[in-house]
Amino acid sequence: AVVSTQSTGGTTIHTDQWAAYNQLSTKGFTHLTVNRTLYFVDPLTNCHRNTQEGMWHHLKRRLDSHQSLEHVFIEFMLRRRFEANCGVAQIENALHAFVAVLRY
């Protein structure tokens, strides 16, 4: 349900072979899978989940008992987006402005 509401049709989604993901291709998504018991990267499609697992690892490190997953995720994604294009000062300024808006 989350993928369906947060992604647009035609998006390519990489997953493992958990049965709950089987409906993705019938909902307008390009769905690639990797059998993690055999490969880290599928040799035919180059499908892998390393990017998602690495991002989840870094996201979990930022969680503490005082923050909601949603707020931590928003901050994490803002940092990832701006770090590629801006310096640290610009990231901090944007985050402080964003937090100020949330508190208002």
PDB file of N, CA and C in Angstrom:
ATOM      1  N   ALA A   1       0.828  -1.195   0.000  1.00  0.00           N
ATOM      2  CA  ALA A   1       0.000   0.000   0.000  1.00  0.00           C
ATOM      3  C   ALA A   1       0.869   1.255   0.000  1.00  0.00           C
ATOM      4  N   VAL A   2       1.967   1.244   0.746  1.00  0.00           N
ATOM      5  CA  VAL A   2       2.830   2.425   0.811  1.00  0.00           C
ATOM      6  C   VAL A   2       3.435   2.700  -0.549  1.00  0.00           C
ATOM      7  N   VAL A   3       3.910   1.673  -1.224  1.00  0.00           N
ATOM      8  CA  VAL A   3       4.521   1.873  -2.542  1.00  0.00           C
ATOM      9  C   VAL A   3       3.492   2.439  -3.503  1.00  0.00           C
ATOM     10  N   SER A   4       2.282   1.930  -3.465  1.00  0.00           N
ATOM     11  CA  SER A   4       1.234   2.392  -4.377  1.00  0.00           C
ATOM     12  C   SER A   4       0.872   3.853  -4.160  1.00  0.00           C
ATOM     13  N   THR A   5       0.888   4.312  -2.914  1.00  0.00           N
ATOM     14  CA  THR A   5       0.500   5.691  -2.641  1.00  0.00           C
ATOM     15  C   THR A   5       1.659   6.672  -2.756  1.00  0.00           C
ATOM     16  N   GLN A   6       2.905   6.205  -2.644  1.00  0.00           N
ATOM     17  CA  GLN A   6       4.058   7.096  -2.645  1.00  0.00           C
ATOM     18  C   GLN A   6       4.853   7.069  -3.942  1.00  0.00           C
ATOM     19  N   SER A   7       4.461   6.243  -4.890  1.00  0.00           N
ATOM     20  CA  SER A   7       5.181   6.129  -6.158  1.00  0.00           C
ATOM     21  C   SER A   7       4.215   6.300  -7.311  1.00  0.00           C
ATOM     22  N   THR A   8       4.738   6.730  -8.444  1.00  0.00           N
ATOM     23  CA  THR A   8       3.901   6.890  -9.629  1.00  0.00           C
ATOM     24  C   THR A   8       4.051   5.681 -10.535  1.00  0.00           C
ATOM     25  N   GLY A   9       3.028   5.432 -11.332  1.00  0.00           N
ATOM     26  CA  GLY A   9       3.067   4.332 -12.281  1.00  0.00           C
ATOM     27  C   GLY A   9       4.256   4.460 -13.212  1.00  0.00           C
ATOM     28  N   GLY A  10       4.817   3.349 -13.607  1.00  0.00           N
ATOM     29  CA  GLY A  10       5.981   3.346 -14.465  1.00  0.00           C
ATOM     30  C   GLY A  10       7.302   3.350 -13.706  1.00  0.00           C
ATOM     31  N   THR A  11       7.238   3.573 -12.394  1.00  0.00           N
ATOM     32  CA  THR A  11       8.438   3.554 -11.564  1.00  0.00           C
ATOM     33  C   THR A  11       9.007   2.140 -11.532  1.00  0.00           C
ATOM     34  N   THR A  12      10.326   2.014 -11.596  1.00  0.00           N
ATOM     35  CA  THR A  12      10.973   0.720 -11.456  1.00  0.00           C
ATOM     36  C   THR A  12      11.283   0.490  -9.991  1.00  0.00           C
ATOM     37  N   ILE A  13      10.800  -0.630  -9.454  1.00  0.00           N
ATOM     38  CA  ILE A  13      10.964  -0.947  -8.043  1.00  0.00           C
ATOM     39  C   ILE A  13      11.763  -2.236  -7.925  1.00  0.00           C
ATOM     40  N   HIS A  14      12.835  -2.185  -7.134  1.00  0.00           N
ATOM     41  CA  HIS A  14      13.689  -3.345  -6.881  1.00  0.00           C
ATOM     42  C   HIS A  14      13.335  -3.913  -5.513  1.00  0.00           C
ATOM     43  N   THR A  15      13.054  -5.211  -5.446  1.00  0.00           N
ATOM     44  CA  THR A  15      12.742  -5.850  -4.165  1.00  0.00           C
ATOM     45  C   THR A  15      13.382  -7.225  -4.111  1.00  0.00           C
ATOM     46  N   ASP A  16      13.290  -7.818  -2.913  1.00  0.00           N
ATOM     47  CA  ASP A  16      13.612  -9.227  -2.824  1.00  0.00           C
ATOM     48  C   ASP A  16      12.363  -9.988  -3.288  1.00  0.00           C
ATOM     49  N   GLN A  17      12.304 -11.257  -3.055  1.00  0.00           N
ATOM     50  CA  GLN A  17      11.194 -12.050  -3.583  1.00  0.00           C
ATOM     51  C   GLN A  17      10.107 -12.328  -2.548  1.00  0.00           C
ATOM     52  N   TRP A  18       9.914 -11.429  -1.607  1.00  0.00           N
ATOM     53  CA  TRP A  18       8.845 -11.568  -0.636  1.00  0.00           C
ATOM     54  C   TRP A  18       7.511 -11.533  -1.364  1.00  0.00           C
ATOM     55  N   ALA A  19       6.619 -12.454  -1.049  1.00  0.00           N
ATOM     56  CA  ALA A  19       5.351 -12.620  -1.767  1.00  0.00           C
ATOM     57  C   ALA A  19       4.487 -11.363  -1.770  1.00  0.00           C
ATOM     58  N   ALA A  20       4.575 -10.541  -0.741  1.00  0.00           N
ATOM     59  CA  ALA A  20       3.751  -9.326  -0.671  1.00  0.00           C
ATOM     60  C   ALA A  20       4.053  -8.355  -1.814  1.00  0.00           C
ATOM     61  N   TYR A  21       5.222  -8.460  -2.425  1.00  0.00           N
ATOM     62  CA  TYR A  21       5.588  -7.562  -3.519  1.00  0.00           C
ATOM     63  C   TYR A  21       5.094  -8.047  -4.879  1.00  0.00           C
ATOM     64  N   ASN A  22       4.537  -9.230  -4.951  1.00  0.00           N
ATOM     65  CA  ASN A  22       4.169  -9.825  -6.238  1.00  0.00           C
ATOM     66  C   ASN A  22       3.145  -9.020  -7.027  1.00  0.00           C
ATOM     67  N   GLN A  23       2.333  -8.217  -6.378  1.00  0.00           N
ATOM     68  CA  GLN A  23       1.293  -7.446  -7.065  1.00  0.00           C
ATOM     69  C   GLN A  23       1.795  -6.152  -7.703  1.00  0.00           C
ATOM     70  N   LEU A  24       3.038  -5.777  -7.459  1.00  0.00           N
ATOM     71  CA  LEU A  24       3.530  -4.487  -7.947  1.00  0.00           C
ATOM     72  C   LEU A  24       3.436  -4.349  -9.463  1.00  0.00           C
ATOM     73  N   SER A  25       3.789  -5.390 -10.189  1.00  0.00           N
ATOM     74  CA  SER A  25       3.762  -5.288 -11.654  1.00  0.00           C
ATOM     75  C   SER A  25       2.334  -5.163 -12.186  1.00  0.00           C
ATOM     76  N   THR A  26       1.343  -5.655 -11.455  1.00  0.00           N
ATOM     77  CA  THR A  26      -0.049  -5.520 -11.898  1.00  0.00           C
ATOM     78  C   THR A  26      -0.621  -4.145 -11.573  1.00  0.00           C
ATOM     79  N   LYS A  27       0.102  -3.352 -10.797  1.00  0.00           N
ATOM     80  CA  LYS A  27      -0.360  -2.008 -10.423  1.00  0.00           C
ATOM     81  C   LYS A  27       0.358  -0.906 -11.197  1.00  0.00           C
ATOM     82  N   GLY A  28       1.010  -1.272 -12.307  1.00  0.00           N
ATOM     83  CA  GLY A  28       1.619  -0.276 -13.168  1.00  0.00           C
ATOM     84  C   GLY A  28       3.086   0.011 -12.913  1.00  0.00           C
ATOM     85  N   PHE A  29       3.732  -0.765 -12.050  1.00  0.00           N
ATOM     86  CA  PHE A  29       5.138  -0.572 -11.762  1.00  0.00           C
ATOM     87  C   PHE A  29       5.971  -1.596 -12.513  1.00  0.00           C
ATOM     88  N   THR A  30       7.192  -1.206 -12.884  1.00  0.00           N
ATOM     89  CA  THR A  30       8.152  -2.170 -13.368  1.00  0.00           C
ATOM     90  C   THR A  30       8.786  -2.775 -12.128  1.00  0.00           C
ATOM     91  N   HIS A  31       8.650  -4.078 -11.964  1.00  0.00           N
ATOM     92  CA  HIS A  31       9.081  -4.735 -10.730  1.00  0.00           C
ATOM     93  C   HIS A  31      10.202  -5.718 -11.027  1.00  0.00           C
ATOM     94  N   LEU A  32      11.378  -5.444 -10.491  1.00  0.00           N
ATOM     95  CA  LEU A  32      12.522  -6.340 -10.628  1.00  0.00           C
ATOM     96  C   LEU A  32      12.812  -6.961  -9.269  1.00  0.00           C
ATOM     97  N   THR A  33      13.204  -8.224  -9.273  1.00  0.00           N
ATOM     98  CA  THR A  33      13.491  -8.909  -8.014  1.00  0.00           C
ATOM     99  C   THR A  33      14.882  -9.518  -8.045  1.00  0.00           C
ATOM    100  N   VAL A  34      15.394  -9.750  -6.853  1.00  0.00           N
ATOM    101  CA  VAL A  34      16.647 -10.465  -6.699  1.00  0.00           C
ATOM    102  C   VAL A  34      16.441 -11.538  -5.633  1.00  0.00           C
ATOM    103  N   ASN A  35      16.900 -12.743  -5.926  1.00  0.00           N
ATOM    104  CA  ASN A  35      16.843 -13.833  -4.953  1.00  0.00           C
ATOM    105  C   ASN A  35      18.073 -13.706  -4.067  1.00  0.00           C
ATOM    106  N   ARG A  36      17.875 -13.181  -2.853  1.00  0.00           N
ATOM    107  CA  ARG A  36      19.006 -12.885  -1.974  1.00  0.00           C
ATOM    108  C   ARG A  36      19.703 -14.131  -1.435  1.00  0.00           C
ATOM    109  N   THR A  37      19.082 -15.282  -1.549  1.00  0.00           N
ATOM    110  CA  THR A  37      19.782 -16.501  -1.125  1.00  0.00           C
ATOM    111  C   THR A  37      20.812 -16.934  -2.164  1.00  0.00           C
ATOM    112  N   LEU A  38      20.669 -16.429  -3.402  1.00  0.00           N
ATOM    113  CA  LEU A  38      21.605 -16.795  -4.469  1.00  0.00           C
ATOM    114  C   LEU A  38      22.547 -15.663  -4.864  1.00  0.00           C
ATOM    115  N   TYR A  39      22.039 -14.415  -4.879  1.00  0.00           N
ATOM    116  CA  TYR A  39      22.804 -13.295  -5.417  1.00  0.00           C
ATOM    117  C   TYR A  39      22.611 -12.031  -4.586  1.00  0.00           C
ATOM    118  N   PHE A  40      23.604 -11.164  -4.621  1.00  0.00           N
ATOM    119  CA  PHE A  40      23.415  -9.796  -4.152  1.00  0.00           C
ATOM    120  C   PHE A  40      22.911  -8.937  -5.309  1.00  0.00           C
ATOM    121  N   VAL A  41      23.326  -9.282  -6.518  1.00  0.00           N
ATOM    122  CA  VAL A  41      22.878  -8.608  -7.734  1.00  0.00           C
ATOM    123  C   VAL A  41      22.429  -9.680  -8.712  1.00  0.00           C
ATOM    124  N   ASP A  42      21.191  -9.551  -9.214  1.00  0.00           N
ATOM    125  CA  ASP A  42      20.680 -10.525 -10.171  1.00  0.00           C
ATOM    126  C   ASP A  42      21.509 -10.444 -11.449  1.00  0.00           C
ATOM    127  N   PRO A  43      22.061 -11.562 -11.928  1.00  0.00           N
ATOM    128  CA  PRO A  43      22.946 -11.515 -13.099  1.00  0.00           C
ATOM    129  C   PRO A  43      22.226 -11.181 -14.407  1.00  0.00           C
ATOM    130  N   LEU A  44      20.922 -11.375 -14.472  1.00  0.00           N
ATOM    131  CA  LEU A  44      20.190 -11.085 -15.710  1.00  0.00           C
ATOM    132  C   LEU A  44      19.652  -9.660 -15.765  1.00  0.00           C
ATOM    133  N   THR A  45      19.173  -9.140 -14.644  1.00  0.00           N
ATOM    134  CA  THR A  45      18.527  -7.825 -14.650  1.00  0.00           C
ATOM    135  C   THR A  45      19.346  -6.736 -13.954  1.00  0.00           C
ATOM    136  N   ASN A  46      20.417  -7.134 -13.274  1.00  0.00           N
ATOM    137  CA  ASN A  46      21.213  -6.216 -12.446  1.00  0.00           C
ATOM    138  C   ASN A  46      20.422  -5.634 -11.275  1.00  0.00           C
ATOM    139  N   CYS A  47      19.315  -6.255 -10.939  1.00  0.00           N
ATOM    140  CA  CYS A  47      18.515  -5.813  -9.809  1.00  0.00           C
ATOM    141  C   CYS A  47      19.274  -6.089  -8.513  1.00  0.00           C
ATOM    142  N   HIS A  48      19.254  -5.110  -7.617  1.00  0.00           N
ATOM    143  CA  HIS A  48      19.846  -5.300  -6.300  1.00  0.00           C
ATOM    144  C   HIS A  48      19.106  -4.422  -5.305  1.00  0.00           C
ATOM    145  N   ARG A  49      19.308  -4.677  -4.027  1.00  0.00           N
ATOM    146  CA  ARG A  49      18.679  -3.887  -2.978  1.00  0.00           C
ATOM    147  C   ARG A  49      19.725  -3.208  -2.105  1.00  0.00           C
ATOM    148  N   ASN A  50      20.956  -3.189  -2.546  1.00  0.00           N
ATOM    149  CA  ASN A  50      22.036  -2.634  -1.724  1.00  0.00           C
ATOM    150  C   ASN A  50      21.813  -1.163  -1.398  1.00  0.00           C
ATOM    151  N   THR A  51      21.311  -0.387  -2.347  1.00  0.00           N
ATOM    152  CA  THR A  51      21.076   1.035  -2.102  1.00  0.00           C
ATOM    153  C   THR A  51      20.032   1.224  -1.003  1.00  0.00           C
ATOM    154  N   GLN A  52      18.908   0.500  -1.108  1.00  0.00           N
ATOM    155  CA  GLN A  52      17.856   0.629  -0.107  1.00  0.00           C
ATOM    156  C   GLN A  52      18.343   0.175   1.262  1.00  0.00           C
ATOM    157  N   GLU A  53      19.063  -0.925   1.307  1.00  0.00           N
ATOM    158  CA  GLU A  53      19.546  -1.430   2.591  1.00  0.00           C
ATOM    159  C   GLU A  53      20.565  -0.489   3.217  1.00  0.00           C
ATOM    160  N   GLY A  54      21.416   0.111   2.396  1.00  0.00           N
ATOM    161  CA  GLY A  54      22.378   1.077   2.913  1.00  0.00           C
ATOM    162  C   GLY A  54      21.691   2.322   3.448  1.00  0.00           C
ATOM    163  N   MET A  55      20.678   2.807   2.729  1.00  0.00           N
ATOM    164  CA  MET A  55      19.941   3.971   3.202  1.00  0.00           C
ATOM    165  C   MET A  55      19.202   3.656   4.501  1.00  0.00           C
ATOM    166  N   TRP A  56      18.592   2.486   4.588  1.00  0.00           N
ATOM    167  CA  TRP A  56      17.877   2.092   5.802  1.00  0.00           C
ATOM    168  C   TRP A  56      18.850   2.002   6.984  1.00  0.00           C
ATOM    169  N   HIS A  57      20.039   1.494   6.744  1.00  0.00           N
ATOM    170  CA  HIS A  57      21.055   1.412   7.796  1.00  0.00           C
ATOM    171  C   HIS A  57      21.371   2.805   8.350  1.00  0.00           C
ATOM    172  N   HIS A  58      21.601   3.777   7.462  1.00  0.00           N
ATOM    173  CA  HIS A  58      21.923   5.135   7.899  1.00  0.00           C
ATOM    174  C   HIS A  58      20.723   5.810   8.568  1.00  0.00           C
ATOM    175  N   LEU A  59      19.543   5.536   8.068  1.00  0.00           N
ATOM    176  CA  LEU A  59      18.340   6.114   8.657  1.00  0.00           C
ATOM    177  C   LEU A  59      18.123   5.590  10.079  1.00  0.00           C
ATOM    178  N   LYS A  60      18.292   4.299  10.277  1.00  0.00           N
ATOM    179  CA  LYS A  60      18.107   3.713  11.611  1.00  0.00           C
ATOM    180  C   LYS A  60      19.092   4.292  12.617  1.00  0.00           C
ATOM    181  N   ARG A  61      20.288   4.630  12.181  1.00  0.00           N
ATOM    182  CA  ARG A  61      21.291   5.202  13.084  1.00  0.00           C
ATOM    183  C   ARG A  61      20.858   6.565  13.622  1.00  0.00           C
ATOM    184  N   ARG A  62      19.998   7.275  12.899  1.00  0.00           N
ATOM    185  CA  ARG A  62      19.539   8.595  13.324  1.00  0.00           C
ATOM    186  C   ARG A  62      18.334   8.526  14.268  1.00  0.00           C
ATOM    187  N   LEU A  63      17.697   7.382  14.348  1.00  0.00           N
ATOM    188  CA  LEU A  63      16.499   7.261  15.183  1.00  0.00           C
ATOM    189  C   LEU A  63      16.852   7.278  16.662  1.00  0.00           C
ATOM    190  N   ASP A  64      16.038   7.965  17.434  1.00  0.00           N
ATOM    191  CA  ASP A  64      16.113   7.843  18.877  1.00  0.00           C
ATOM    192  C   ASP A  64      14.677   7.818  19.409  1.00  0.00           C
ATOM    193  N   SER A  65      14.528   7.641  20.676  1.00  0.00           N
ATOM    194  CA  SER A  65      13.193   7.450  21.237  1.00  0.00           C
ATOM    195  C   SER A  65      12.356   8.727  21.251  1.00  0.00           C
ATOM    196  N   HIS A  66      12.940   9.867  20.931  1.00  0.00           N
ATOM    197  CA  HIS A  66      12.220  11.132  21.015  1.00  0.00           C
ATOM    198  C   HIS A  66      11.720  11.639  19.672  1.00  0.00           C
ATOM    199  N   GLN A  67      12.039  10.952  18.602  1.00  0.00           N
ATOM    200  CA  GLN A  67      11.651  11.412  17.276  1.00  0.00           C
ATOM    201  C   GLN A  67      10.785  10.373  16.592  1.00  0.00           C
ATOM    202  N   SER A  68       9.860  10.848  15.785  1.00  0.00           N
ATOM    203  CA  SER A  68       9.056   9.918  14.999  1.00  0.00           C
ATOM    204  C   SER A  68       9.847   9.508  13.758  1.00  0.00           C
ATOM    205  N   LEU A  69       9.556   8.341  13.249  1.00  0.00           N
ATOM    206  CA  LEU A  69      10.212   7.861  12.037  1.00  0.00           C
ATOM    207  C   LEU A  69       9.978   8.843  10.892  1.00  0.00           C
ATOM    208  N   GLU A  70       8.780   9.409  10.817  1.00  0.00           N
ATOM    209  CA  GLU A  70       8.458  10.341   9.745  1.00  0.00           C
ATOM    210  C   GLU A  70       9.378  11.561   9.765  1.00  0.00           C
ATOM    211  N   HIS A  71       9.584  12.159  10.945  1.00  0.00           N
ATOM    212  CA  HIS A  71      10.447  13.341  11.030  1.00  0.00           C
ATOM    213  C   HIS A  71      11.904  13.006  10.725  1.00  0.00           C
ATOM    214  N   VAL A  72      12.363  11.868  11.216  1.00  0.00           N
ATOM    215  CA  VAL A  72      13.734  11.460  10.942  1.00  0.00           C
ATOM    216  C   VAL A  72      13.914  11.193   9.445  1.00  0.00           C
ATOM    217  N   PHE A  73      12.919  10.573   8.830  1.00  0.00           N
ATOM    218  CA  PHE A  73      12.992  10.281   7.404  1.00  0.00           C
ATOM    219  C   PHE A  73      13.015  11.568   6.579  1.00  0.00           C
ATOM    220  N   ILE A  74      12.185  12.534   6.941  1.00  0.00           N
ATOM    221  CA  ILE A  74      12.162  13.808   6.212  1.00  0.00           C
ATOM    222  C   ILE A  74      13.524  14.485   6.302  1.00  0.00           C
ATOM    223  N   GLU A  75      14.078  14.543   7.515  1.00  0.00           N
ATOM    224  CA  GLU A  75      15.397  15.160   7.678  1.00  0.00           C
ATOM    225  C   GLU A  75      16.449  14.404   6.874  1.00  0.00           C
ATOM    226  N   PHE A  76      16.400  13.086   6.927  1.00  0.00           N
ATOM    227  CA  PHE A  76      17.363  12.255   6.214  1.00  0.00           C
ATOM    228  C   PHE A  76      17.311  12.526   4.708  1.00  0.00           C
ATOM    229  N   MET A  77      16.095  12.563   4.154  1.00  0.00           N
ATOM    230  CA  MET A  77      15.958  12.773   2.715  1.00  0.00           C
ATOM    231  C   MET A  77      16.372  14.191   2.319  1.00  0.00           C
ATOM    232  N   LEU A  78      16.051  15.186   3.149  1.00  0.00           N
ATOM    233  CA  LEU A  78      16.510  16.545   2.860  1.00  0.00           C
ATOM    234  C   LEU A  78      18.028  16.614   2.844  1.00  0.00           C
ATOM    235  N   ARG A  79      18.649  15.990   3.828  1.00  0.00           N
ATOM    236  CA  ARG A  79      20.120  15.987   3.871  1.00  0.00           C
ATOM    237  C   ARG A  79      20.700  15.306   2.627  1.00  0.00           C
ATOM    238  N   ARG A  80      20.142  14.168   2.243  1.00  0.00           N
ATOM    239  CA  ARG A  80      20.655  13.452   1.059  1.00  0.00           C
ATOM    240  C   ARG A  80      20.502  14.300  -0.194  1.00  0.00           C
ATOM    241  N   ARG A  81      19.372  14.974  -0.324  1.00  0.00           N
ATOM    242  CA  ARG A  81      19.112  15.777  -1.522  1.00  0.00           C
ATOM    243  C   ARG A  81      20.059  16.976  -1.587  1.00  0.00           C
ATOM    244  N   PHE A  82      20.219  17.683  -0.462  1.00  0.00           N
ATOM    245  CA  PHE A  82      21.007  18.911  -0.464  1.00  0.00           C
ATOM    246  C   PHE A  82      22.504  18.654  -0.389  1.00  0.00           C
ATOM    247  N   GLU A  83      22.938  17.566   0.228  1.00  0.00           N
ATOM    248  CA  GLU A  83      24.373  17.305   0.331  1.00  0.00           C
ATOM    249  C   GLU A  83      25.013  17.134  -1.024  1.00  0.00           C
ATOM    250  N   ALA A  84      24.265  16.627  -1.982  1.00  0.00           N
ATOM    251  CA  ALA A  84      24.813  16.423  -3.322  1.00  0.00           C
ATOM    252  C   ALA A  84      25.014  17.753  -4.052  1.00  0.00           C
ATOM    253  N   ASN A  85      24.244  18.767  -3.676  1.00  0.00           N
ATOM    254  CA  ASN A  85      24.261  20.022  -4.424  1.00  0.00           C
ATOM    255  C   ASN A  85      24.769  21.231  -3.650  1.00  0.00           C
ATOM    256  N   CYS A  86      24.880  21.122  -2.330  1.00  0.00           N
ATOM    257  CA  CYS A  86      25.191  22.276  -1.497  1.00  0.00           C
ATOM    258  C   CYS A  86      26.269  21.930  -0.481  1.00  0.00           C
ATOM    259  N   GLY A  87      26.754  22.956   0.171  1.00  0.00           N
ATOM    260  CA  GLY A  87      27.668  22.762   1.278  1.00  0.00           C
ATOM    261  C   GLY A  87      26.904  22.494   2.566  1.00  0.00           C
ATOM    262  N   VAL A  88      27.634  22.169   3.610  1.00  0.00           N
ATOM    263  CA  VAL A  88      27.045  21.839   4.900  1.00  0.00           C
ATOM    264  C   VAL A  88      26.262  23.014   5.469  1.00  0.00           C
ATOM    265  N   ALA A  89      26.758  24.231   5.330  1.00  0.00           N
ATOM    266  CA  ALA A  89      26.071  25.401   5.881  1.00  0.00           C
ATOM    267  C   ALA A  89      24.688  25.568   5.262  1.00  0.00           C
ATOM    268  N   GLN A  90      24.575  25.361   3.966  1.00  0.00           N
ATOM    269  CA  GLN A  90      23.284  25.485   3.309  1.00  0.00           C
ATOM    270  C   GLN A  90      22.320  24.407   3.789  1.00  0.00           C
ATOM    271  N   ILE A  91      22.829  23.209   4.034  1.00  0.00           N
ATOM    272  CA  ILE A  91      21.988  22.120   4.536  1.00  0.00           C
ATOM    273  C   ILE A  91      21.461  22.473   5.911  1.00  0.00           C
ATOM    274  N   GLU A  92      22.346  22.927   6.791  1.00  0.00           N
ATOM    275  CA  GLU A  92      21.933  23.280   8.149  1.00  0.00           C
ATOM    276  C   GLU A  92      20.913  24.412   8.123  1.00  0.00           C
ATOM    277  N   ASN A  93      21.129  25.423   7.298  1.00  0.00           N
ATOM    278  CA  ASN A  93      20.184  26.535   7.203  1.00  0.00           C
ATOM    279  C   ASN A  93      18.816  26.058   6.718  1.00  0.00           C
ATOM    280  N   ALA A  94      18.804  25.199   5.717  1.00  0.00           N
ATOM    281  CA  ALA A  94      17.539  24.684   5.194  1.00  0.00           C
ATOM    282  C   ALA A  94      16.821  23.852   6.246  1.00  0.00           C
ATOM    283  N   LEU A  95      17.553  23.018   6.972  1.00  0.00           N
ATOM    284  CA  LEU A  95      16.927  22.192   8.005  1.00  0.00           C
ATOM    285  C   LEU A  95      16.381  23.034   9.146  1.00  0.00           C
ATOM    286  N   HIS A  96      17.119  24.051   9.570  1.00  0.00           N
ATOM    287  CA  HIS A  96      16.633  24.923  10.643  1.00  0.00           C
ATOM    288  C   HIS A  96      15.359  25.655  10.204  1.00  0.00           C
ATOM    289  N   ALA A  97      15.325  26.101   8.956  1.00  0.00           N
ATOM    290  CA  ALA A  97      14.126  26.769   8.439  1.00  0.00           C
ATOM    291  C   ALA A  97      12.956  25.798   8.380  1.00  0.00           C
ATOM    292  N   PHE A  98      13.220  24.585   7.948  1.00  0.00           N
ATOM    293  CA  PHE A  98      12.173  23.571   7.851  1.00  0.00           C
ATOM    294  C   PHE A  98      11.614  23.234   9.234  1.00  0.00           C
ATOM    295  N   VAL A  99      12.486  23.048  10.217  1.00  0.00           N
ATOM    296  CA  VAL A  99      12.060  22.742  11.590  1.00  0.00           C
ATOM    297  C   VAL A  99      11.254  23.912  12.154  1.00  0.00           C
ATOM    298  N   ALA A 100      11.675  25.127  11.856  1.00  0.00           N
ATOM    299  CA  ALA A 100      10.941  26.304  12.331  1.00  0.00           C
ATOM    300  C   ALA A 100       9.527  26.315  11.784  1.00  0.00           C
ATOM    301  N   VAL A 101       9.366  25.948  10.524  1.00  0.00           N
ATOM    302  CA  VAL A 101       8.035  25.878   9.918  1.00  0.00           C
ATOM    303  C   VAL A 101       7.201  24.797  10.605  1.00  0.00           C
ATOM    304  N   LEU A 102       7.798  23.642  10.871  1.00  0.00           N
ATOM    305  CA  LEU A 102       7.070  22.556  11.525  1.00  0.00           C
ATOM    306  C   LEU A 102       6.608  22.955  12.921  1.00  0.00           C
ATOM    307  N   ARG A 103       7.426  23.711  13.630  1.00  0.00           N
ATOM    308  CA  ARG A 103       7.084  24.120  14.987  1.00  0.00           C
ATOM    309  C   ARG A 103       6.043  25.220  15.027  1.00  0.00           C
ATOM    310  N   TYR A 104       5.951  25.998  13.944  1.00  0.00           N
ATOM    311  CA  TYR A 104       5.021  27.108  13.887  1.00  0.00           C
ATOM    312  C   TYR A 104       3.627  26.565  13.865  1.00  0.00           C
TER     313      TYR A 104
END
